């Protein structure tokens, strides 16, 4: 096994540290992106449900006869 100089050993250690940090950062960013996509999909699903419900409520209100507007007889 060949011996490396002290400066080369230090350089390799620094490179390994930098590489490890980069891989960790990439993993975290990937997880965050995955969470963001899941949140966006859920938000879109909920919005679509809300809009569908509101459309049904508007259709029901338009189809229902207007309520009688009789005044109470004060006695």
C-alpha atoms as a PDB file:
ATOM      1  CA  UNK A   1       0.000   0.000   0.000  1.00  0.00           C
ATOM      2  CA  UNK A   2       1.419   3.358  -0.923  1.00  0.00           C
ATOM      3  CA  UNK A   3       1.597   6.105   1.603  1.00  0.00           C
ATOM      4  CA  UNK A   4       0.136   9.441   0.673  1.00  0.00           C
ATOM      5  CA  UNK A   5       1.490  12.748   1.732  1.00  0.00           C
ATOM      6  CA  UNK A   6      -0.166  14.559   4.597  1.00  0.00           C
ATOM      7  CA  UNK A   7      -1.552  17.264   2.297  1.00  0.00           C
ATOM      8  CA  UNK A   8      -3.048  14.671  -0.045  1.00  0.00           C
ATOM      9  CA  UNK A   9      -4.684  12.853   2.873  1.00  0.00           C
ATOM     10  CA  UNK A  10      -6.131  16.136   4.097  1.00  0.00           C
ATOM     11  CA  UNK A  11      -7.358  16.992   0.596  1.00  0.00           C
ATOM     12  CA  UNK A  12      -9.044  13.614   0.242  1.00  0.00           C
ATOM     13  CA  UNK A  13     -10.695  14.017   3.648  1.00  0.00           C
ATOM     14  CA  UNK A  14     -11.929  17.498   2.708  1.00  0.00           C
ATOM     15  CA  UNK A  15     -13.264  16.189  -0.615  1.00  0.00           C
ATOM     16  CA  UNK A  16     -15.042  13.305   1.112  1.00  0.00           C
ATOM     17  CA  UNK A  17     -16.607  15.715   3.595  1.00  0.00           C
ATOM     18  CA  UNK A  18     -17.770  18.021   0.799  1.00  0.00           C
ATOM     19  CA  UNK A  19     -19.122  15.110  -1.218  1.00  0.00           C
ATOM     20  CA  UNK A  20     -21.012  13.749   1.806  1.00  0.00           C
ATOM     21  CA  UNK A  21     -22.522  17.158   2.503  1.00  0.00           C
ATOM     22  CA  UNK A  22     -23.578  17.501  -1.126  1.00  0.00           C
ATOM     23  CA  UNK A  23     -25.237  14.089  -1.137  1.00  0.00           C
ATOM     24  CA  UNK A  24     -27.037  14.868   2.121  1.00  0.00           C
ATOM     25  CA  UNK A  25     -28.247  18.219   0.773  1.00  0.00           C
ATOM     26  CA  UNK A  26     -29.489  16.563  -2.418  1.00  0.00           C
ATOM     27  CA  UNK A  27     -31.360  13.936  -0.405  1.00  0.00           C
ATOM     28  CA  UNK A  28     -33.015  16.596   1.773  1.00  0.00           C
ATOM     29  CA  UNK A  29     -33.961  18.682  -1.260  1.00  0.00           C
ATOM     30  CA  UNK A  30     -35.454  15.599  -2.891  1.00  0.00           C
ATOM     31  CA  UNK A  31     -37.533  14.882   0.210  1.00  0.00           C
ATOM     32  CA  UNK A  32     -38.730  18.490   0.375  1.00  0.00           C
ATOM     33  CA  UNK A  33     -39.699  18.413  -3.310  1.00  0.00           C
ATOM     34  CA  UNK A  34     -41.608  15.179  -2.727  1.00  0.00           C
ATOM     35  CA  UNK A  35     -43.485  16.733   0.197  1.00  0.00           C
ATOM     36  CA  UNK A  36     -44.270  19.826  -1.874  1.00  0.00           C
ATOM     37  CA  UNK A  37     -45.664  17.705  -4.699  1.00  0.00           C
ATOM     38  CA  UNK A  38     -47.833  15.730  -2.273  1.00  0.00           C
ATOM     39  CA  UNK A  39     -49.123  18.954  -0.697  1.00  0.00           C
ATOM     40  CA  UNK A  40     -49.889  20.470  -4.106  1.00  0.00           C
ATOM     41  CA  UNK A  41     -51.740  17.329  -5.191  1.00  0.00           C
ATOM     42  CA  UNK A  42     -53.809  17.342  -2.006  1.00  0.00           C
ATOM     43  CA  UNK A  43     -54.582  21.040  -2.381  1.00  0.00           C
ATOM     44  CA  UNK A  44     -55.720  20.529  -5.970  1.00  0.00           C
ATOM     45  CA  UNK A  45     -57.915  17.593  -4.925  1.00  0.00           C
ATOM     46  CA  UNK A  46     -59.539  19.587  -2.125  1.00  0.00           C
ATOM     47  CA  UNK A  47     -60.088  22.599  -4.389  1.00  0.00           C
ATOM     48  CA  UNK A  48     -61.748  20.420  -7.015  1.00  0.00           C
ATOM     49  CA  UNK A  49     -64.045  18.919  -4.350  1.00  0.00           C
ATOM     50  CA  UNK A  50     -64.925  22.378  -3.021  1.00  0.00           C
ATOM     51  CA  UNK A  51     -65.714  23.713  -6.486  1.00  0.00           C
ATOM     52  CA  UNK A  52     -67.865  20.668  -7.257  1.00  0.00           C
ATOM     53  CA  UNK A  53     -69.772  21.139  -3.972  1.00  0.00           C
ATOM     54  CA  UNK A  54     -70.307  24.846  -4.649  1.00  0.00           C
ATOM     55  CA  UNK A  55     -71.564  24.108  -8.162  1.00  0.00           C
ATOM     56  CA  UNK A  56     -74.049  21.562  -6.787  1.00  0.00           C
ATOM     57  CA  UNK A  57     -75.228  24.046  -4.164  1.00  0.00           C
ATOM     58  CA  UNK A  58     -75.737  26.727  -6.831  1.00  0.00           C
ATOM     59  CA  UNK A  59     -77.654  24.276  -9.017  1.00  0.00           C
ATOM     60  CA  UNK A  60     -79.849  23.238  -6.088  1.00  0.00           C
ATOM     61  CA  UNK A  61     -80.505  26.871  -5.168  1.00  0.00           C
ATOM     62  CA  UNK A  62     -81.442  27.721  -8.756  1.00  0.00           C
ATOM     63  CA  UNK A  63     -83.763  24.705  -9.053  1.00  0.00           C
ATOM     64  CA  UNK A  64     -85.501  25.235  -5.706  1.00  0.00           C
ATOM     65  CA  UNK A  65     -88.540  27.482  -5.709  1.00  0.00           C
ATOM     66  CA  UNK A  66     -88.019  30.707  -3.866  1.00  0.00           C
ATOM     67  CA  UNK A  67     -89.189  30.587  -0.247  1.00  0.00           C
ATOM     68  CA  UNK A  68     -92.441  32.293   0.660  1.00  0.00           C
ATOM     69  CA  UNK A  69     -91.879  35.768   1.941  1.00  0.00           C
ATOM     70  CA  UNK A  70     -94.921  36.218   4.119  1.00  0.00           C
ATOM     71  CA  UNK A  71     -94.813  38.631   6.959  1.00  0.00           C
ATOM     72  CA  UNK A  72     -95.795  37.548  10.385  1.00  0.00           C
ATOM     73  CA  UNK A  73     -99.053  39.024  11.553  1.00  0.00           C
ATOM     74  CA  UNK A  74     -98.356  41.193  14.618  1.00  0.00           C
ATOM     75  CA  UNK A  75    -101.120  40.719  17.101  1.00  0.00           C
END
